[in-house]
Amino acid sequence: MTVAGEVVETETVNSGKPLVEVKGLRRVFDLSKPWLNRMIEREGRILLTAVDGVDFAIKEGETYALVGESGSGKSTIAKMAVGLLPPSAGSIMIDGTDVWGKKSQDTERRMRRKIQMIFQDPFASLNPRWRVGAIIAEPISAFGLISDPQDRAARVGELLSLVGLDPRDGQKFPHEFSGGQRQRIAIARALASEPKFIVCDEPTSALDVSVQAQVLNLLRDLQERLGLTYLFISHNLAVVRHVATRVGVLYLGRLVEEAPARDLFAAPQHPYTKMLLEAVPDIDMEGKDRQSIAGEIPNPITPPPGCHFHPRCPVRRVECDVKIPLPLPVGDATVRCHLFDPSP
């Protein structure tokens, strides 16, 4: 919803079966030197665990946001969700179909049509040698949705109008548009295959602040009109607060807290979530003492044992150094923290 050019928080309610189900998702990158080099230099393998056992579900019509500092695994999850990067373990189910499981070509084609992605940088995600009309028409042609060229061109014009551009803009090249307009073109391309699930990988971080609200409002309006489901990747909690239905907080590849957006911002449970929210600029807290995020995110190649957050945690316990916390229910939230562990 839009009021005076600002993004206004709304809540999507859907009690049906999840459209997206992620279970035990794990991704390990092998950063080792070639085998012969390791043998000569007597070095072992170097493994980086970018995503470590992540579980979440997204109901149809919801916006599920993943937040965290750089290096927490957000974009890696996004790439696995759309089929750009295979997981090391776990599964991603889209409308009952495993993205990385074995399936027929017809099933694969139907599933791929349901998934699209809006990338972070609109300057890099559009082919500079193609006209905008050809860029948007590519998914239509690839999935065989419209065979007649005139009908396909008419559909491209409709999509451009849908995102707030002129149908005649299809004759132009990407370099003739501003950053916000290019992101609108990227959104029109994502809508061309008539998807159900769209992954938004920091879609406004490369844009001017004045343009960000316009793009966010557009995404919300399209969601309400077309019944879209979003996975929204961001490091900006001020943005997430206004677009998300549920929020998952990532730290070094682990989901440390998951809760409805309204609850998470009103009463965060995990110490890391509290620190992230303390760092969000808020004019209402001007003049009050605020706690900055202590320390830096550790090297993901050699993460701390136990709870990865314990070197920076203000309420660190002895068990945090050695024991990995399990996900525990805390009201409507799920939290990985020994503070809520009832066992001694």
C-alpha atoms as a PDB file:
ATOM      1  CA  MET A   1       0.000   0.000   0.000  1.00  0.00           C
ATOM      2  CA  THR A   2       1.246   3.507  -0.774  1.00  0.00           C
ATOM      3  CA  VAL A   3       0.531   6.670   1.189  1.00  0.00           C
ATOM      4  CA  ALA A   4       2.201   9.965   0.203  1.00  0.00           C
ATOM      5  CA  GLY A   5       4.984   8.111  -1.584  1.00  0.00           C
ATOM      6  CA  GLU A   6       5.929   6.012   1.439  1.00  0.00           C
ATOM      7  CA  VAL A   7       5.815   2.273   1.993  1.00  0.00           C
ATOM      8  CA  VAL A   8       3.114   1.359   4.484  1.00  0.00           C
ATOM      9  CA  GLU A   9       3.256  -1.905   6.349  1.00  0.00           C
ATOM     10  CA  THR A  10       0.600  -4.444   5.517  1.00  0.00           C
ATOM     11  CA  GLU A  11       0.203  -8.055   6.533  1.00  0.00           C
ATOM     12  CA  THR A  12      -0.533 -11.009   4.307  1.00  0.00           C
ATOM     13  CA  VAL A  13      -2.495 -13.789   5.940  1.00  0.00           C
ATOM     14  CA  ASN A  14      -2.437 -17.245   4.398  1.00  0.00           C
ATOM     15  CA  SER A  15      -2.993 -20.415   6.364  1.00  0.00           C
ATOM     16  CA  GLY A  16      -2.658 -22.808   3.411  1.00  0.00           C
ATOM     17  CA  LYS A  17       0.099 -25.231   2.485  1.00  0.00           C
ATOM     18  CA  PRO A  18       3.533 -23.641   1.942  1.00  0.00           C
ATOM     19  CA  LEU A  19       4.436 -22.876  -1.647  1.00  0.00           C
ATOM     20  CA  VAL A  20       8.148 -23.066  -0.799  1.00  0.00           C
ATOM     21  CA  GLU A  21       9.678 -25.534   1.669  1.00  0.00           C
ATOM     22  CA  VAL A  22      13.394 -25.499   2.485  1.00  0.00           C
ATOM     23  CA  LYS A  23      14.705 -28.347   4.647  1.00  0.00           C
ATOM     24  CA  GLY A  24      18.222 -29.011   5.908  1.00  0.00           C
ATOM     25  CA  LEU A  25      19.748 -26.739   3.265  1.00  0.00           C
ATOM     26  CA  ARG A  26      23.534 -26.819   3.273  1.00  0.00           C
ATOM     27  CA  ARG A  27      26.179 -25.498   0.897  1.00  0.00           C
ATOM     28  CA  VAL A  28      29.918 -26.091   1.226  1.00  0.00           C
ATOM     29  CA  PHE A  29      32.443 -24.478  -1.116  1.00  0.00           C
ATOM     30  CA  ASP A  30      35.784 -26.169  -1.709  1.00  0.00           C
ATOM     31  CA  LEU A  31      38.422 -23.417  -1.793  1.00  0.00           C
ATOM     32  CA  SER A  32      41.356 -25.829  -1.831  1.00  0.00           C
ATOM     33  CA  LYS A  33      44.305 -25.588  -4.151  1.00  0.00           C
ATOM     34  CA  PRO A  34      44.655 -28.285  -6.835  1.00  0.00           C
ATOM     35  CA  TRP A  35      45.537 -31.763  -5.510  1.00  0.00           C
ATOM     36  CA  LEU A  36      49.158 -31.674  -6.730  1.00  0.00           C
ATOM     37  CA  ASN A  37      49.799 -28.290  -5.106  1.00  0.00           C
ATOM     38  CA  ARG A  38      48.402 -29.557  -1.810  1.00  0.00           C
ATOM     39  CA  MET A  39      50.647 -32.612  -1.940  1.00  0.00           C
ATOM     40  CA  ILE A  40      53.779 -30.577  -2.697  1.00  0.00           C
ATOM     41  CA  GLU A  41      53.008 -27.870  -0.138  1.00  0.00           C
ATOM     42  CA  ARG A  42      51.592 -30.380   2.378  1.00  0.00           C
ATOM     43  CA  GLU A  43      48.398 -28.444   2.838  1.00  0.00           C
ATOM     44  CA  GLY A  44      44.940 -29.794   3.586  1.00  0.00           C
ATOM     45  CA  ARG A  45      41.643 -28.977   1.943  1.00  0.00           C
ATOM     46  CA  ILE A  46      39.980 -25.645   2.657  1.00  0.00           C
ATOM     47  CA  LEU A  47      36.193 -25.823   2.991  1.00  0.00           C
ATOM     48  CA  LEU A  48      33.807 -22.928   3.502  1.00  0.00           C
ATOM     49  CA  THR A  49      30.345 -23.713   4.847  1.00  0.00           C
ATOM     50  CA  ALA A  50      28.203 -20.873   3.500  1.00  0.00           C
ATOM     51  CA  VAL A  51      24.825 -22.359   4.492  1.00  0.00           C
ATOM     52  CA  ASP A  52      24.521 -24.759   7.410  1.00  0.00           C
ATOM     53  CA  GLY A  53      21.243 -26.636   7.901  1.00  0.00           C
ATOM     54  CA  VAL A  54      18.674 -23.939   7.093  1.00  0.00           C
ATOM     55  CA  ASP A  55      14.933 -24.699   7.327  1.00  0.00           C
ATOM     56  CA  PHE A  56      12.052 -22.390   6.473  1.00  0.00           C
ATOM     57  CA  ALA A  57       8.735 -22.355   4.607  1.00  0.00           C
ATOM     58  CA  ILE A  58       6.907 -19.639   2.658  1.00  0.00           C
ATOM     59  CA  LYS A  59       3.153 -19.677   2.245  1.00  0.00           C
ATOM     60  CA  GLU A  60       1.553 -18.535  -0.980  1.00  0.00           C
ATOM     61  CA  GLY A  61       1.193 -14.758  -1.083  1.00  0.00           C
ATOM     62  CA  GLU A  62       3.753 -14.154   1.664  1.00  0.00           C
ATOM     63  CA  THR A  63       7.005 -12.216   1.652  1.00  0.00           C
ATOM     64  CA  TYR A  64       9.697 -14.080   3.561  1.00  0.00           C
ATOM     65  CA  ALA A  65      12.776 -11.952   4.238  1.00  0.00           C
ATOM     66  CA  LEU A  66      16.279 -13.238   4.954  1.00  0.00           C
ATOM     67  CA  VAL A  67      18.490 -10.704   6.725  1.00  0.00           C
ATOM     68  CA  GLY A  68      22.018 -10.653   8.090  1.00  0.00           C
ATOM     69  CA  GLU A  69      25.441  -9.143   7.615  1.00  0.00           C
ATOM     70  CA  SER A  70      27.522  -9.685   4.494  1.00  0.00           C
ATOM     71  CA  GLY A  71      28.812 -13.243   4.383  1.00  0.00           C
ATOM     72  CA  SER A  72      25.875 -14.722   6.284  1.00  0.00           C
ATOM     73  CA  GLY A  73      24.706 -16.851   3.320  1.00  0.00           C
ATOM     74  CA  LYS A  74      21.709 -14.871   2.068  1.00  0.00           C
ATOM     75  CA  SER A  75      22.606 -14.718  -1.611  1.00  0.00           C
ATOM     76  CA  THR A  76      23.823 -18.323  -1.608  1.00  0.00           C
ATOM     77  CA  ILE A  77      20.366 -19.428  -0.458  1.00  0.00           C
ATOM     78  CA  ALA A  78      18.787 -17.231  -3.137  1.00  0.00           C
ATOM     79  CA  LYS A  79      20.861 -18.861  -5.887  1.00  0.00           C
ATOM     80  CA  MET A  80      20.032 -22.358  -4.652  1.00  0.00           C
ATOM     81  CA  ALA A  81      16.323 -21.511  -4.472  1.00  0.00           C
ATOM     82  CA  VAL A  82      16.151 -20.547  -8.154  1.00  0.00           C
ATOM     83  CA  GLY A  83      18.328 -23.375  -9.403  1.00  0.00           C
ATOM     84  CA  LEU A  84      21.533 -21.426 -10.104  1.00  0.00           C
ATOM     85  CA  LEU A  85      23.628 -23.210  -7.468  1.00  0.00           C
ATOM     86  CA  PRO A  86      23.240 -26.833  -6.310  1.00  0.00           C
ATOM     87  CA  PRO A  87      23.057 -27.492  -2.564  1.00  0.00           C
ATOM     88  CA  SER A  88      25.543 -29.797  -0.839  1.00  0.00           C
ATOM     89  CA  ALA A  89      22.665 -31.262   1.178  1.00  0.00           C
ATOM     90  CA  GLY A  90      18.988 -30.639   1.887  1.00  0.00           C
ATOM     91  CA  SER A  91      16.050 -29.900  -0.384  1.00  0.00           C
ATOM     92  CA  ILE A  92      14.070 -27.003  -1.835  1.00  0.00           C
ATOM     93  CA  MET A  93      10.469 -27.773  -2.755  1.00  0.00           C
ATOM     94  CA  ILE A  94       8.560 -25.351  -4.980  1.00  0.00           C
ATOM     95  CA  ASP A  95       4.846 -26.123  -5.164  1.00  0.00           C
ATOM     96  CA  GLY A  96       5.571 -29.773  -4.339  1.00  0.00           C
ATOM     97  CA  THR A  97       8.479 -30.207  -6.797  1.00  0.00           C
ATOM     98  CA  ASP A  98      12.081 -30.628  -5.657  1.00  0.00           C
ATOM     99  CA  VAL A  99      14.174 -27.977  -7.447  1.00  0.00           C
ATOM    100  CA  TRP A 100      17.241 -30.220  -7.450  1.00  0.00           C
ATOM    101  CA  GLY A 101      15.551 -33.641  -7.534  1.00  0.00           C
ATOM    102  CA  LYS A 102      15.253 -35.933 -10.545  1.00  0.00           C
ATOM    103  CA  LYS A 103      12.222 -35.201 -12.718  1.00  0.00           C
ATOM    104  CA  SER A 104      10.970 -35.354 -16.278  1.00  0.00           C
ATOM    105  CA  GLN A 105      11.699 -32.565 -18.744  1.00  0.00           C
ATOM    106  CA  ASP A 106       8.042 -31.536 -18.712  1.00  0.00           C
ATOM    107  CA  THR A 107       7.989 -31.305 -14.897  1.00  0.00           C
ATOM    108  CA  GLU A 108      11.280 -29.412 -14.934  1.00  0.00           C
ATOM    109  CA  ARG A 109       9.904 -26.931 -17.468  1.00  0.00           C
ATOM    110  CA  ARG A 110       6.706 -26.320 -15.496  1.00  0.00           C
ATOM    111  CA  MET A 111       8.671 -25.810 -12.291  1.00  0.00           C
ATOM    112  CA  ARG A 112      11.180 -23.414 -13.888  1.00  0.00           C
ATOM    113  CA  ARG A 113       8.372 -21.278 -15.224  1.00  0.00           C
ATOM    114  CA  LYS A 114       7.083 -20.766 -11.672  1.00  0.00           C
ATOM    115  CA  ILE A 115      10.412 -19.336 -10.434  1.00  0.00           C
ATOM    116  CA  GLN A 116      12.048 -16.023 -11.323  1.00  0.00           C
ATOM    117  CA  MET A 117      14.698 -13.783  -9.790  1.00  0.00           C
ATOM    118  CA  ILE A 118      15.253 -10.037  -9.550  1.00  0.00           C
ATOM    119  CA  PHE A 119      18.950  -9.344  -9.157  1.00  0.00           C
ATOM    120  CA  GLN A 120      20.671  -6.714  -7.056  1.00  0.00           C
ATOM    121  CA  ASP A 121      22.307  -4.675  -9.798  1.00  0.00           C
ATOM    122  CA  PRO A 122      20.006  -3.584 -12.654  1.00  0.00           C
ATOM    123  CA  PHE A 123      23.044  -2.292 -14.546  1.00  0.00           C
ATOM    124  CA  ALA A 124      24.599  -5.770 -14.717  1.00  0.00           C
ATOM    125  CA  SER A 125      21.494  -7.960 -14.993  1.00  0.00           C
ATOM    126  CA  LEU A 126      20.280  -6.579 -18.353  1.00  0.00           C
ATOM    127  CA  ASN A 127      22.014  -7.365 -21.647  1.00  0.00           C
ATOM    128  CA  PRO A 128      23.264  -3.963 -22.914  1.00  0.00           C
ATOM    129  CA  ARG A 129      23.159  -5.144 -26.561  1.00  0.00           C
ATOM    130  CA  TRP A 130      19.487  -6.115 -26.533  1.00  0.00           C
ATOM    131  CA  ARG A 131      16.561  -3.779 -26.789  1.00  0.00           C
ATOM    132  CA  VAL A 132      14.262  -3.767 -23.765  1.00  0.00           C
ATOM    133  CA  GLY A 133      11.458  -5.425 -25.727  1.00  0.00           C
ATOM    134  CA  ALA A 134      13.694  -8.379 -26.613  1.00  0.00           C
ATOM    135  CA  ILE A 135      14.873  -8.696 -22.993  1.00  0.00           C
ATOM    136  CA  ILE A 136      11.322  -8.934 -21.666  1.00  0.00           C
ATOM    137  CA  ALA A 137      10.165 -11.198 -24.516  1.00  0.00           C
ATOM    138  CA  GLU A 138      12.945 -13.744 -23.934  1.00  0.00           C
ATOM    139  CA  PRO A 139      11.132 -15.686 -21.129  1.00  0.00           C
ATOM    140  CA  ILE A 140       7.925 -15.642 -23.187  1.00  0.00           C
ATOM    141  CA  SER A 141       9.751 -17.249 -26.103  1.00  0.00           C
ATOM    142  CA  ALA A 142      11.805 -19.627 -23.941  1.00  0.00           C
ATOM    143  CA  PHE A 143       8.698 -21.123 -22.319  1.00  0.00           C
ATOM    144  CA  GLY A 144       6.653 -21.066 -25.530  1.00  0.00           C
ATOM    145  CA  LEU A 145       3.910 -18.940 -23.999  1.00  0.00           C
ATOM    146  CA  ILE A 146       3.071 -16.816 -27.063  1.00  0.00           C
ATOM    147  CA  SER A 147       4.118 -17.877 -30.564  1.00  0.00           C
ATOM    148  CA  ASP A 148       2.723 -15.005 -32.635  1.00  0.00           C
ATOM    149  CA  PRO A 149       5.247 -12.092 -32.810  1.00  0.00           C
ATOM    150  CA  GLN A 150       2.555  -9.415 -32.754  1.00  0.00           C
ATOM    151  CA  ASP A 151       0.821 -10.934 -29.734  1.00  0.00           C
ATOM    152  CA  ARG A 152       4.197 -11.312 -28.022  1.00  0.00           C
ATOM    153  CA  ALA A 153       5.009  -7.624 -28.666  1.00  0.00           C
ATOM    154  CA  ALA A 154       1.602  -6.643 -27.282  1.00  0.00           C
ATOM    155  CA  ARG A 155       2.302  -8.689 -24.145  1.00  0.00           C
ATOM    156  CA  VAL A 156       5.665  -6.932 -23.718  1.00  0.00           C
ATOM    157  CA  GLY A 157       3.845  -3.592 -23.901  1.00  0.00           C
ATOM    158  CA  GLU A 158       1.402  -4.763 -21.219  1.00  0.00           C
ATOM    159  CA  LEU A 159       4.267  -5.783 -18.933  1.00  0.00           C
ATOM    160  CA  LEU A 160       6.004  -2.424 -19.395  1.00  0.00           C
ATOM    161  CA  SER A 161       2.770  -0.631 -18.504  1.00  0.00           C
ATOM    162  CA  LEU A 162       2.340  -2.916 -15.497  1.00  0.00           C
ATOM    163  CA  VAL A 163       5.649  -1.748 -14.012  1.00  0.00           C
ATOM    164  CA  GLY A 164       4.996   1.921 -14.726  1.00  0.00           C
ATOM    165  CA  LEU A 165       6.860   2.358 -18.028  1.00  0.00           C
ATOM    166  CA  ASP A 166       5.659   3.288 -21.507  1.00  0.00           C
ATOM    167  CA  PRO A 167       5.120   0.441 -24.019  1.00  0.00           C
ATOM    168  CA  ARG A 168       7.232   2.434 -26.497  1.00  0.00           C
ATOM    169  CA  ASP A 169      10.206   1.999 -24.152  1.00  0.00           C
ATOM    170  CA  GLY A 170      10.577  -1.504 -25.562  1.00  0.00           C
ATOM    171  CA  GLN A 171      12.442  -0.008 -28.538  1.00  0.00           C
ATOM    172  CA  LYS A 172      15.152   1.484 -26.334  1.00  0.00           C
ATOM    173  CA  PHE A 173      18.363   0.012 -24.935  1.00  0.00           C
ATOM    174  CA  PRO A 174      19.031  -0.406 -21.180  1.00  0.00           C
ATOM    175  CA  HIS A 175      21.632   2.379 -21.101  1.00  0.00           C
ATOM    176  CA  GLU A 176      18.894   4.890 -21.940  1.00  0.00           C
ATOM    177  CA  PHE A 177      17.216   4.376 -18.562  1.00  0.00           C
ATOM    178  CA  SER A 178      17.946   5.362 -14.966  1.00  0.00           C
ATOM    179  CA  GLY A 179      18.732   2.780 -12.291  1.00  0.00           C
ATOM    180  CA  GLY A 180      15.166   2.702 -10.988  1.00  0.00           C
ATOM    181  CA  GLN A 181      13.762   2.318 -14.493  1.00  0.00           C
ATOM    182  CA  ARG A 182      16.183  -0.511 -15.236  1.00  0.00           C
ATOM    183  CA  GLN A 183      15.001  -2.335 -12.131  1.00  0.00           C
ATOM    184  CA  ARG A 184      11.422  -1.914 -13.360  1.00  0.00           C
ATOM    185  CA  ILE A 185      12.509  -3.536 -16.630  1.00  0.00           C
ATOM    186  CA  ALA A 186      14.061  -6.397 -14.645  1.00  0.00           C
ATOM    187  CA  ILE A 187      10.777  -6.796 -12.765  1.00  0.00           C
ATOM    188  CA  ALA A 188       8.832  -6.849 -16.058  1.00  0.00           C
ATOM    189  CA  ARG A 189      11.185  -9.568 -17.337  1.00  0.00           C
ATOM    190  CA  ALA A 190      10.616 -11.583 -14.153  1.00  0.00           C
ATOM    191  CA  LEU A 191       6.840 -11.327 -14.640  1.00  0.00           C
ATOM    192  CA  ALA A 192       6.976 -12.381 -18.297  1.00  0.00           C
ATOM    193  CA  SER A 193       6.825 -16.119 -17.536  1.00  0.00           C
ATOM    194  CA  GLU A 194       3.856 -15.590 -15.169  1.00  0.00           C
ATOM    195  CA  PRO A 195       5.716 -16.989 -12.125  1.00  0.00           C
ATOM    196  CA  LYS A 196       4.324 -17.816  -8.694  1.00  0.00           C
ATOM    197  CA  PHE A 197       7.571 -17.393  -6.746  1.00  0.00           C
ATOM    198  CA  ILE A 198      10.090 -14.553  -7.157  1.00  0.00           C
ATOM    199  CA  VAL A 199      13.422 -14.274  -5.360  1.00  0.00           C
ATOM    200  CA  CYS A 200      14.371 -10.620  -4.803  1.00  0.00           C
ATOM    201  CA  ASP A 201      18.109 -10.455  -4.092  1.00  0.00           C
ATOM    202  CA  GLU A 202      18.574  -6.996  -2.534  1.00  0.00           C
ATOM    203  CA  PRO A 203      16.533  -5.407  -5.345  1.00  0.00           C
ATOM    204  CA  THR A 204      16.860  -1.840  -4.015  1.00  0.00           C
ATOM    205  CA  SER A 205      20.384  -1.723  -2.555  1.00  0.00           C
ATOM    206  CA  ALA A 206      21.920  -0.345  -5.779  1.00  0.00           C
ATOM    207  CA  LEU A 207      19.294   2.408  -6.089  1.00  0.00           C
ATOM    208  CA  ASP A 208      19.066   5.932  -4.724  1.00  0.00           C
ATOM    209  CA  VAL A 209      17.103   6.224  -1.497  1.00  0.00           C
ATOM    210  CA  SER A 210      14.469   8.355  -3.241  1.00  0.00           C
ATOM    211  CA  VAL A 211      13.828   5.541  -5.737  1.00  0.00           C
ATOM    212  CA  GLN A 212      13.857   2.631  -3.292  1.00  0.00           C
ATOM    213  CA  ALA A 213      10.368   3.304  -1.900  1.00  0.00           C
ATOM    214  CA  GLN A 214       8.935   3.474  -5.432  1.00  0.00           C
ATOM    215  CA  VAL A 215      10.336   0.060  -6.349  1.00  0.00           C
ATOM    216  CA  LEU A 216       9.236  -1.465  -3.037  1.00  0.00           C
ATOM    217  CA  ASN A 217       5.733  -0.078  -3.505  1.00  0.00           C
ATOM    218  CA  LEU A 218       5.668  -1.545  -7.014  1.00  0.00           C
ATOM    219  CA  LEU A 219       6.676  -4.979  -5.718  1.00  0.00           C
ATOM    220  CA  ARG A 220       3.959  -4.850  -3.061  1.00  0.00           C
ATOM    221  CA  ASP A 221       1.306  -3.711  -5.539  1.00  0.00           C
ATOM    222  CA  LEU A 222       2.250  -6.504  -7.958  1.00  0.00           C
ATOM    223  CA  GLN A 223       2.105  -9.032  -5.150  1.00  0.00           C
ATOM    224  CA  GLU A 224      -1.414  -7.990  -4.217  1.00  0.00           C
ATOM    225  CA  ARG A 225      -2.579  -7.887  -7.845  1.00  0.00           C
ATOM    226  CA  LEU A 226      -0.967 -11.118  -9.078  1.00  0.00           C
ATOM    227  CA  GLY A 227      -0.801 -13.171  -5.863  1.00  0.00           C
ATOM    228  CA  LEU A 228       2.993 -13.436  -5.964  1.00  0.00           C
ATOM    229  CA  THR A 229       5.171 -15.054  -3.300  1.00  0.00           C
ATOM    230  CA  TYR A 230       8.528 -13.427  -2.508  1.00  0.00           C
ATOM    231  CA  LEU A 231      11.791 -14.486  -0.942  1.00  0.00           C
ATOM    232  CA  PHE A 232      13.286 -11.093  -0.123  1.00  0.00           C
ATOM    233  CA  ILE A 233      17.031 -10.947   0.526  1.00  0.00           C
ATOM    234  CA  SER A 234      18.317  -7.839   2.288  1.00  0.00           C
ATOM    235  CA  HIS A 235      20.753  -6.478   4.846  1.00  0.00           C
ATOM    236  CA  ASN A 236      18.561  -3.413   5.362  1.00  0.00           C
ATOM    237  CA  LEU A 237      16.180  -4.008   8.265  1.00  0.00           C
ATOM    238  CA  ALA A 238      14.479  -0.660   7.700  1.00  0.00           C
ATOM    239  CA  VAL A 239      13.349  -1.958   4.294  1.00  0.00           C
ATOM    240  CA  VAL A 240      12.479  -5.438   5.540  1.00  0.00           C
ATOM    241  CA  ARG A 241      10.259  -4.004   8.250  1.00  0.00           C
ATOM    242  CA  HIS A 242       7.862  -2.645   5.638  1.00  0.00           C
ATOM    243  CA  VAL A 243       7.773  -5.501   3.130  1.00  0.00           C
ATOM    244  CA  ALA A 244       8.086  -8.795   5.028  1.00  0.00           C
ATOM    245  CA  THR A 245       5.429 -11.092   6.406  1.00  0.00           C
ATOM    246  CA  ARG A 246       8.009 -13.288   8.156  1.00  0.00           C
ATOM    247  CA  VAL A 247      11.707 -12.706   8.780  1.00  0.00           C
ATOM    248  CA  GLY A 248      14.618 -15.125   9.104  1.00  0.00           C
ATOM    249  CA  VAL A 249      17.863 -13.838  10.634  1.00  0.00           C
ATOM    250  CA  LEU A 250      21.046 -15.499   9.330  1.00  0.00           C
ATOM    251  CA  TYR A 251      24.431 -15.585  11.016  1.00  0.00           C
ATOM    252  CA  LEU A 252      27.339 -17.457   9.428  1.00  0.00           C
ATOM    253  CA  GLY A 253      25.009 -19.706   7.483  1.00  0.00           C
ATOM    254  CA  ARG A 254      22.680 -20.593  10.357  1.00  0.00           C
ATOM    255  CA  LEU A 255      19.146 -19.320  10.887  1.00  0.00           C
ATOM    256  CA  VAL A 256      19.341 -17.940  14.443  1.00  0.00           C
ATOM    257  CA  GLU A 257      15.820 -16.498  14.633  1.00  0.00           C
ATOM    258  CA  GLU A 258      12.615 -16.708  12.614  1.00  0.00           C
ATOM    259  CA  ALA A 259       9.418 -14.872  13.490  1.00  0.00           C
ATOM    260  CA  PRO A 260       6.499 -12.905  12.062  1.00  0.00           C
ATOM    261  CA  ALA A 261       7.865  -9.512  11.008  1.00  0.00           C
ATOM    262  CA  ARG A 262       5.700  -7.548  13.431  1.00  0.00           C
ATOM    263  CA  ASP A 263       6.778  -9.695  16.388  1.00  0.00           C
ATOM    264  CA  LEU A 264      10.450  -9.683  15.458  1.00  0.00           C
ATOM    265  CA  PHE A 265      10.661  -5.904  15.278  1.00  0.00           C
ATOM    266  CA  ALA A 266       8.540  -5.386  18.402  1.00  0.00           C
ATOM    267  CA  ALA A 267      10.267  -7.998  20.591  1.00  0.00           C
ATOM    268  CA  PRO A 268      13.419  -9.596  19.116  1.00  0.00           C
ATOM    269  CA  GLN A 269      14.606 -12.653  21.028  1.00  0.00           C
ATOM    270  CA  HIS A 270      18.097 -13.589  19.836  1.00  0.00           C
ATOM    271  CA  PRO A 271      20.973 -11.339  21.020  1.00  0.00           C
ATOM    272  CA  TYR A 272      22.183 -10.976  17.435  1.00  0.00           C
ATOM    273  CA  THR A 273      18.760  -9.807  16.236  1.00  0.00           C
ATOM    274  CA  LYS A 274      18.650  -7.261  19.035  1.00  0.00           C
ATOM    275  CA  MET A 275      22.063  -5.937  18.013  1.00  0.00           C
ATOM    276  CA  LEU A 276      20.995  -5.654  14.372  1.00  0.00           C
ATOM    277  CA  LEU A 277      17.899  -3.686  15.328  1.00  0.00           C
ATOM    278  CA  GLU A 278      19.904  -1.417  17.621  1.00  0.00           C
ATOM    279  CA  ALA A 279      22.000  -0.431  14.601  1.00  0.00           C
ATOM    280  CA  VAL A 280      18.989   0.654  12.508  1.00  0.00           C
ATOM    281  CA  PRO A 281      18.743   4.471  12.338  1.00  0.00           C
ATOM    282  CA  ASP A 282      15.584   5.658  14.078  1.00  0.00           C
ATOM    283  CA  ILE A 283      14.699   9.312  14.474  1.00  0.00           C
ATOM    284  CA  ASP A 284      12.499   8.493  17.478  1.00  0.00           C
ATOM    285  CA  MET A 285      15.584   7.319  19.399  1.00  0.00           C
ATOM    286  CA  GLU A 286      17.643  10.427  18.708  1.00  0.00           C
ATOM    287  CA  GLY A 287      19.598  11.410  21.803  1.00  0.00           C
ATOM    288  CA  LYS A 288      19.287   7.972  23.435  1.00  0.00           C
ATOM    289  CA  ASP A 289      22.151   5.588  24.018  1.00  0.00           C
ATOM    290  CA  ARG A 290      22.367   2.917  21.351  1.00  0.00           C
ATOM    291  CA  GLN A 291      24.403  -0.271  21.263  1.00  0.00           C
ATOM    292  CA  SER A 292      26.434  -0.797  18.091  1.00  0.00           C
ATOM    293  CA  ILE A 293      27.158  -4.257  16.718  1.00  0.00           C
ATOM    294  CA  ALA A 294      30.237  -5.447  18.584  1.00  0.00           C
ATOM    295  CA  GLY A 295      33.163  -7.040  16.760  1.00  0.00           C
ATOM    296  CA  GLU A 296      33.217  -8.386  13.220  1.00  0.00           C
ATOM    297  CA  ILE A 297      31.755 -11.469  11.611  1.00  0.00           C
ATOM    298  CA  PRO A 298      34.342 -14.300  11.971  1.00  0.00           C
ATOM    299  CA  ASN A 299      36.120 -15.993   9.089  1.00  0.00           C
ATOM    300  CA  PRO A 300      33.573 -18.459   7.659  1.00  0.00           C
ATOM    301  CA  ILE A 301      36.400 -20.882   6.778  1.00  0.00           C
ATOM    302  CA  THR A 302      37.214 -21.293  10.477  1.00  0.00           C
ATOM    303  CA  PRO A 303      33.992 -20.363  12.314  1.00  0.00           C
ATOM    304  CA  PRO A 304      33.874 -20.446  16.122  1.00  0.00           C
ATOM    305  CA  PRO A 305      32.766 -23.768  17.651  1.00  0.00           C
ATOM    306  CA  GLY A 306      29.418 -24.150  19.363  1.00  0.00           C
ATOM    307  CA  CYS A 307      27.232 -21.116  18.760  1.00  0.00           C
ATOM    308  CA  HIS A 308      28.933 -19.133  15.996  1.00  0.00           C
ATOM    309  CA  PHE A 309      27.822 -15.871  17.609  1.00  0.00           C
ATOM    310  CA  HIS A 310      29.391 -16.478  21.035  1.00  0.00           C
ATOM    311  CA  PRO A 311      32.571 -14.349  20.528  1.00  0.00           C
ATOM    312  CA  ARG A 312      30.369 -11.261  20.021  1.00  0.00           C
ATOM    313  CA  CYS A 313      27.465 -12.148  22.312  1.00  0.00           C
ATOM    314  CA  PRO A 314      26.816  -9.866  25.330  1.00  0.00           C
ATOM    315  CA  VAL A 315      25.066 -12.694  27.245  1.00  0.00           C
ATOM    316  CA  ARG A 316      27.569 -15.476  26.469  1.00  0.00           C
ATOM    317  CA  ARG A 317      27.386 -18.663  28.549  1.00  0.00           C
ATOM    318  CA  VAL A 318      29.834 -21.527  29.051  1.00  0.00           C
ATOM    319  CA  GLU A 319      27.816 -23.921  26.871  1.00  0.00           C
ATOM    320  CA  CYS A 320      27.799 -21.401  24.009  1.00  0.00           C
ATOM    321  CA  ASP A 321      31.503 -22.113  23.379  1.00  0.00           C
ATOM    322  CA  VAL A 322      31.061 -25.831  22.767  1.00  0.00           C
ATOM    323  CA  LYS A 323      27.416 -26.707  22.108  1.00  0.00           C
ATOM    324  CA  ILE A 324      25.465 -25.839  18.952  1.00  0.00           C
ATOM    325  CA  PRO A 325      22.072 -24.434  20.028  1.00  0.00           C
ATOM    326  CA  LEU A 326      18.992 -26.177  18.702  1.00  0.00           C
ATOM    327  CA  PRO A 327      16.024 -24.279  17.220  1.00  0.00           C
ATOM    328  CA  LEU A 328      13.526 -23.728  20.029  1.00  0.00           C
ATOM    329  CA  PRO A 329       9.985 -22.292  19.934  1.00  0.00           C
ATOM    330  CA  VAL A 330       9.621 -18.964  21.746  1.00  0.00           C
ATOM    331  CA  GLY A 331       6.060 -17.766  21.289  1.00  0.00           C
ATOM    332  CA  ASP A 332       5.484 -17.504  17.526  1.00  0.00           C
ATOM    333  CA  ALA A 333       9.231 -17.334  16.918  1.00  0.00           C
ATOM    334  CA  THR A 334      11.897 -20.017  16.530  1.00  0.00           C
ATOM    335  CA  VAL A 335      15.229 -19.140  18.128  1.00  0.00           C
ATOM    336  CA  ARG A 336      18.658 -20.822  18.198  1.00  0.00           C
ATOM    337  CA  CYS A 337      20.005 -19.650  21.560  1.00  0.00           C
ATOM    338  CA  HIS A 338      21.010 -21.382  24.796  1.00  0.00           C
ATOM    339  CA  LEU A 339      19.188 -18.664  26.752  1.00  0.00           C
ATOM    340  CA  PHE A 340      15.934 -20.438  25.920  1.00  0.00           C
ATOM    341  CA  ASP A 341      17.155 -23.993  26.433  1.00  0.00           C
ATOM    342  CA  PRO A 342      15.189 -25.501  29.355  1.00  0.00           C
ATOM    343  CA  SER A 343      17.703 -28.330  29.834  1.00  0.00           C
ATOM    344  CA  PRO A 344      20.487 -27.736  32.363  1.00  0.00           C
END
